[in-house]
């Protein structure tokens, strides 16, 4: 199995191409802003290969906005998302996808339902969906047990940026449960929404523990982040501390 992270451009989330002897799949698709470039990047990695499907971590525009275009570019391949997010994508809902905050329309995207019962064999290894609600109710992560890797979306924006729970479909208590779930997976690498992969078993656990502590403290504070933190930008799906959290530079996937 081969995993290639295509770094997010501007507001785009990371796009991850997973390849094996049984095919190729894409996790997330970025916004619609750079969708043509995204197709070129994917094609360059595939060579003579064929993309089989797209898996989405959520409805949010930074990961789903380009899905319709990428699907069409590869002969209408299926786009999979948890059933809670299907209606938003298929109706082009620009509010709960957060596309309106980017002054963008949300492309209507045909989807197929995705659950933890769906496992995608890749030959050597497989891609296993994991339901991780909190940032959104349909939030999913994709576990690659063979590589001890987990690909997430807006639930973990970056090692130094905690996710927001005040967007449509968000739940602070679900975020806490999902972070506990991620810790139990004991992976050695996490690909977040943006930025480099978080690598090393100890470092992964330290990052997850730090985020979990922050969310538990927010829950104890009537669901509010620290008053010292700046109000997030309208496009941001994360909270930004005034004093950056410690962040070691990690090697990219």
Protein backbone atom coordinates (compact mmCIF):
# COMPACT_ATOMS: atom_id res chain seq x y z
CA UNK A 1 0.00 0.00 0.00
CA UNK A 2 1.20 3.48 -0.90
CA UNK A 3 -0.09 6.67 0.73
CA UNK A 4 0.58 10.10 -0.77
CA UNK A 5 -0.48 13.34 0.93
CA UNK A 6 -1.25 16.15 -1.51
CA UNK A 7 -0.82 19.22 0.73
CA UNK A 8 -3.78 21.54 1.03
CA UNK A 9 -3.64 24.77 -0.98
CA UNK A 10 -4.84 27.94 0.79
CA UNK A 11 -8.14 26.89 2.44
CA UNK A 12 -8.03 23.33 1.05
CA UNK A 13 -7.61 20.40 3.36
CA UNK A 14 -5.01 17.73 2.71
CA UNK A 15 -5.98 15.26 0.00
CA UNK A 16 -4.70 11.72 0.50
CA UNK A 17 -4.27 9.21 -2.31
CA UNK A 18 -4.16 5.57 -1.20
CA UNK A 19 -2.95 3.03 -3.76
CA UNK A 20 -2.66 -0.73 -3.70
CA UNK A 21 -2.69 -3.72 -6.01
CA UNK A 22 -6.52 -3.72 -5.95
CA UNK A 23 -6.99 -0.07 -6.89
CA UNK A 24 -6.73 3.57 -5.88
CA UNK A 25 -8.94 5.74 -3.69
CA UNK A 26 -8.92 9.36 -2.62
CA UNK A 27 -9.62 10.62 0.89
CA UNK A 28 -11.05 14.16 0.71
CA UNK A 29 -11.06 16.44 -2.33
CA UNK A 30 -10.35 19.99 -1.19
CA UNK A 31 -12.46 23.04 -2.03
CA UNK A 32 -13.88 23.78 -5.47
CA UNK A 33 -11.37 26.63 -5.87
CA UNK A 34 -8.48 24.44 -6.99
CA UNK A 35 -10.40 21.43 -8.27
CA UNK A 36 -8.84 21.47 -11.75
CA UNK A 37 -5.36 21.59 -10.26
CA UNK A 38 -6.37 18.84 -7.88
CA UNK A 39 -7.23 16.58 -10.84
CA UNK A 40 -3.82 17.29 -12.38
CA UNK A 41 -2.04 16.42 -9.15
CA UNK A 42 -3.99 13.18 -8.74
CA UNK A 43 -3.44 12.20 -12.38
CA UNK A 44 0.28 12.81 -12.00
CA UNK A 45 0.41 10.41 -9.06
CA UNK A 46 -1.76 7.75 -10.70
CA UNK A 47 0.19 7.47 -13.93
CA UNK A 48 -1.63 4.74 -15.85
CA UNK A 49 -3.78 3.86 -12.85
CA UNK A 50 -7.48 4.61 -12.40
CA UNK A 51 -9.08 6.30 -9.44
CA UNK A 52 -11.91 4.13 -8.08
CA UNK A 53 -13.70 6.21 -5.45
CA UNK A 54 -13.62 9.24 -3.16
CA UNK A 55 -14.08 9.00 0.62
CA UNK A 56 -15.01 12.16 2.54
CA UNK A 57 -14.33 12.85 6.20
CA UNK A 58 -17.24 15.34 6.40
CA UNK A 59 -19.48 17.77 4.52
CA UNK A 60 -17.25 20.77 5.21
CA UNK A 61 -16.24 22.78 2.13
CA UNK A 62 -12.44 22.48 2.67
CA UNK A 63 -12.67 18.69 2.17
CA UNK A 64 -15.81 18.20 0.06
CA UNK A 65 -16.09 21.21 -2.25
CA UNK A 66 -14.05 19.66 -5.05
CA UNK A 67 -15.57 16.17 -4.84
CA UNK A 68 -18.15 16.59 -7.64
CA UNK A 69 -15.54 17.88 -10.09
CA UNK A 70 -12.96 15.24 -9.22
CA UNK A 71 -15.60 12.51 -9.52
CA UNK A 72 -16.65 13.73 -12.96
CA UNK A 73 -13.03 14.00 -14.12
CA UNK A 74 -12.57 10.30 -13.36
CA UNK A 75 -15.66 9.01 -15.16
CA UNK A 76 -18.16 9.69 -12.39
CA UNK A 77 -16.59 7.55 -9.69
CA UNK A 78 -18.64 7.23 -6.45
CA UNK A 79 -18.30 9.73 -3.63
CA UNK A 80 -18.83 8.20 -0.18
CA UNK A 81 -19.86 10.07 2.97
CA UNK A 82 -21.61 9.10 6.20
CA UNK A 83 -25.38 9.20 5.70
CA UNK A 84 -25.72 12.23 8.01
CA UNK A 85 -23.88 14.32 5.42
CA UNK A 86 -25.53 13.09 2.23
CA UNK A 87 -28.43 15.54 2.08
CA UNK A 88 -26.16 18.56 2.53
CA UNK A 89 -23.96 17.56 -0.39
CA UNK A 90 -26.73 16.42 -2.71
CA UNK A 91 -28.69 19.67 -2.25
CA UNK A 92 -25.62 21.92 -2.41
CA UNK A 93 -26.26 23.27 1.08
CA UNK A 94 -23.86 26.19 1.36
CA UNK A 95 -24.66 26.83 5.06
CA UNK A 96 -23.90 23.59 6.91
CA UNK A 97 -21.01 22.83 4.54
CA UNK A 98 -19.65 26.28 5.52
CA UNK A 99 -19.16 27.17 1.83
CA UNK A 100 -21.04 30.45 2.36
CA UNK A 101 -18.25 31.65 4.66
CA UNK A 102 -15.89 31.35 1.69
CA UNK A 103 -18.27 33.35 -0.54
CA UNK A 104 -18.65 30.19 -2.59
CA UNK A 105 -21.45 28.05 -3.91
CA UNK A 106 -21.44 24.42 -2.82
CA UNK A 107 -21.47 22.09 -5.86
CA UNK A 108 -24.27 19.54 -5.73
CA UNK A 109 -22.58 16.19 -5.24
CA UNK A 110 -24.13 12.77 -5.68
CA UNK A 111 -23.03 10.49 -2.86
CA UNK A 112 -23.20 6.96 -1.55
CA UNK A 113 -23.63 6.19 2.18
CA UNK A 114 -20.60 5.21 4.21
CA UNK A 115 -20.43 3.40 7.55
CA UNK A 116 -17.98 1.52 9.73
CA UNK A 117 -19.21 -1.70 8.10
CA UNK A 118 -17.58 -0.66 4.83
CA UNK A 119 -14.00 -1.83 4.45
CA UNK A 120 -11.98 -1.11 1.30
CA UNK A 121 -9.36 -3.79 0.53
CA UNK A 122 -6.30 -2.43 -1.24
CA UNK A 123 -4.35 -5.67 -1.73
CA UNK A 124 -1.75 -5.49 0.99
CA UNK A 125 -3.72 -3.64 3.64
CA UNK A 126 -7.14 -2.04 3.73
CA UNK A 127 -8.90 1.25 4.49
CA UNK A 128 -11.30 1.04 7.45
CA UNK A 129 -13.84 3.85 8.09
CA UNK A 130 -14.14 5.02 11.69
CA UNK A 131 -17.08 7.17 12.79
CA UNK A 132 -15.64 10.22 14.56
CA UNK A 133 -18.46 12.72 15.15
CA UNK A 134 -18.05 16.01 16.95
CA UNK A 135 -16.93 18.65 14.48
CA UNK A 136 -19.87 17.35 12.45
CA UNK A 137 -22.28 14.49 13.13
CA UNK A 138 -21.14 12.63 10.01
CA UNK A 139 -17.42 12.97 10.75
CA UNK A 140 -15.31 10.01 9.65
CA UNK A 141 -11.68 9.02 9.93
CA UNK A 142 -10.00 6.41 7.78
CA UNK A 143 -7.78 3.88 9.51
CA UNK A 144 -5.01 2.16 7.60
CA UNK A 145 -4.10 -0.61 10.08
CA UNK A 146 -1.31 -2.00 7.89
CA UNK A 147 0.50 1.36 8.19
CA UNK A 148 -0.78 2.29 11.68
CA UNK A 149 -2.10 5.50 10.13
CA UNK A 150 -5.32 7.46 10.60
CA UNK A 151 -6.53 10.08 8.13
CA UNK A 152 -8.90 12.63 9.66
CA UNK A 153 -10.43 15.89 8.50
CA UNK A 154 -11.68 18.92 10.38
CA UNK A 155 -11.90 16.99 13.69
CA UNK A 156 -8.14 17.53 13.97
CA UNK A 157 -7.23 20.62 11.89
CA UNK A 158 -3.54 20.52 12.85
CA UNK A 159 -1.44 19.49 15.81
CA UNK A 160 -1.51 23.09 17.06
CA UNK A 161 -5.15 23.93 16.23
CA UNK A 162 -8.14 22.51 18.11
CA UNK A 163 -11.34 22.05 16.15
CA UNK A 164 -14.51 24.12 16.57
CA UNK A 165 -17.75 22.69 17.92
CA UNK A 166 -19.92 25.77 17.34
CA UNK A 167 -20.47 25.16 13.61
CA UNK A 168 -23.63 23.47 12.28
CA UNK A 169 -23.72 19.84 13.40
CA UNK A 170 -21.01 20.28 16.01
CA UNK A 171 -20.99 18.71 19.48
CA UNK A 172 -18.32 19.25 22.11
CA UNK A 173 -19.21 16.05 23.97
CA UNK A 174 -18.97 14.04 20.74
CA UNK A 175 -15.55 15.57 20.11
CA UNK A 176 -14.39 14.36 23.51
CA UNK A 177 -15.68 10.84 22.78
CA UNK A 178 -14.02 10.82 19.35
CA UNK A 179 -10.64 11.86 20.73
CA UNK A 180 -10.83 9.08 23.29
CA UNK A 181 -11.61 6.70 20.42
CA UNK A 182 -8.60 7.93 18.44
CA UNK A 183 -6.33 7.44 21.44
CA UNK A 184 -7.50 3.83 21.75
CA UNK A 185 -6.52 3.12 18.14
CA UNK A 186 -2.86 3.67 19.14
CA UNK A 187 -1.76 4.67 15.63
CA UNK A 188 1.75 5.94 14.95
CA UNK A 189 0.74 8.50 12.32
CA UNK A 190 -2.21 10.87 11.85
CA UNK A 191 -2.85 12.95 8.74
CA UNK A 192 -4.78 16.03 9.94
CA UNK A 193 -6.89 18.48 7.94
CA UNK A 194 -3.92 20.66 7.06
CA UNK A 195 -0.18 20.60 7.48
CA UNK A 196 2.23 17.70 7.89
CA UNK A 197 1.47 14.30 9.30
CA UNK A 198 1.76 13.88 13.07
CA UNK A 199 4.27 11.06 13.46
CA UNK A 200 5.54 8.78 16.21
CA UNK A 201 3.47 6.85 18.73
CA UNK A 202 4.44 9.06 21.67
CA UNK A 203 3.97 12.30 19.75
CA UNK A 204 0.56 11.21 18.44
CA UNK A 205 -0.60 10.38 21.96
CA UNK A 206 0.77 13.67 23.30
CA UNK A 207 -1.10 15.67 20.63
CA UNK A 208 -4.36 13.79 21.20
CA UNK A 209 -4.03 14.13 24.98
CA UNK A 210 -3.39 17.88 24.70
CA UNK A 211 -6.46 18.37 22.50
CA UNK A 212 -8.61 16.13 24.72
CA UNK A 213 -7.62 18.08 27.83
CA UNK A 214 -8.53 21.34 26.07
CA UNK A 215 -11.98 20.04 25.14
CA UNK A 216 -12.64 18.63 28.60
CA UNK A 217 -11.71 21.98 30.14
CA UNK A 218 -14.04 23.73 27.68
CA UNK A 219 -16.85 21.36 28.66
CA UNK A 220 -16.25 22.20 32.32
CA UNK A 221 -16.37 25.90 31.33
CA UNK A 222 -19.97 25.66 30.09
CA UNK A 223 -18.81 24.76 26.59
CA UNK A 224 -16.68 27.87 26.08
CA UNK A 225 -13.03 28.14 25.00
CA UNK A 226 -10.69 30.32 27.08
CA UNK A 227 -11.65 34.00 27.00
CA UNK A 228 -8.05 34.85 26.12
CA UNK A 229 -8.32 33.11 22.76
CA UNK A 230 -9.10 35.23 19.70
CA UNK A 231 -12.41 34.96 17.90
CA UNK A 232 -11.83 32.60 14.93
CA UNK A 233 -11.90 33.92 11.37
CA UNK A 234 -15.20 33.31 9.59
CA UNK A 235 -13.61 30.72 7.30
CA UNK A 236 -11.72 28.91 10.06
CA UNK A 237 -12.94 25.50 11.21
CA UNK A 238 -10.48 25.67 14.11
CA UNK A 239 -9.71 27.79 17.16
CA UNK A 240 -6.42 29.65 17.33
CA UNK A 241 -4.61 30.32 20.62
CA UNK A 242 -2.80 33.64 20.98
CA UNK A 243 0.22 31.74 22.23
CA UNK A 244 0.87 28.84 19.84
CA UNK A 245 0.84 25.36 21.28
CA UNK A 246 4.20 23.56 21.08
CA UNK A 247 4.58 21.98 17.67
CA UNK A 248 7.50 19.88 16.57
CA UNK A 249 8.17 19.82 12.87
CA UNK A 250 7.10 16.45 11.53
CA UNK A 251 8.01 14.73 8.31
CA UNK A 252 5.23 14.85 5.74
CA UNK A 253 3.47 11.78 4.37
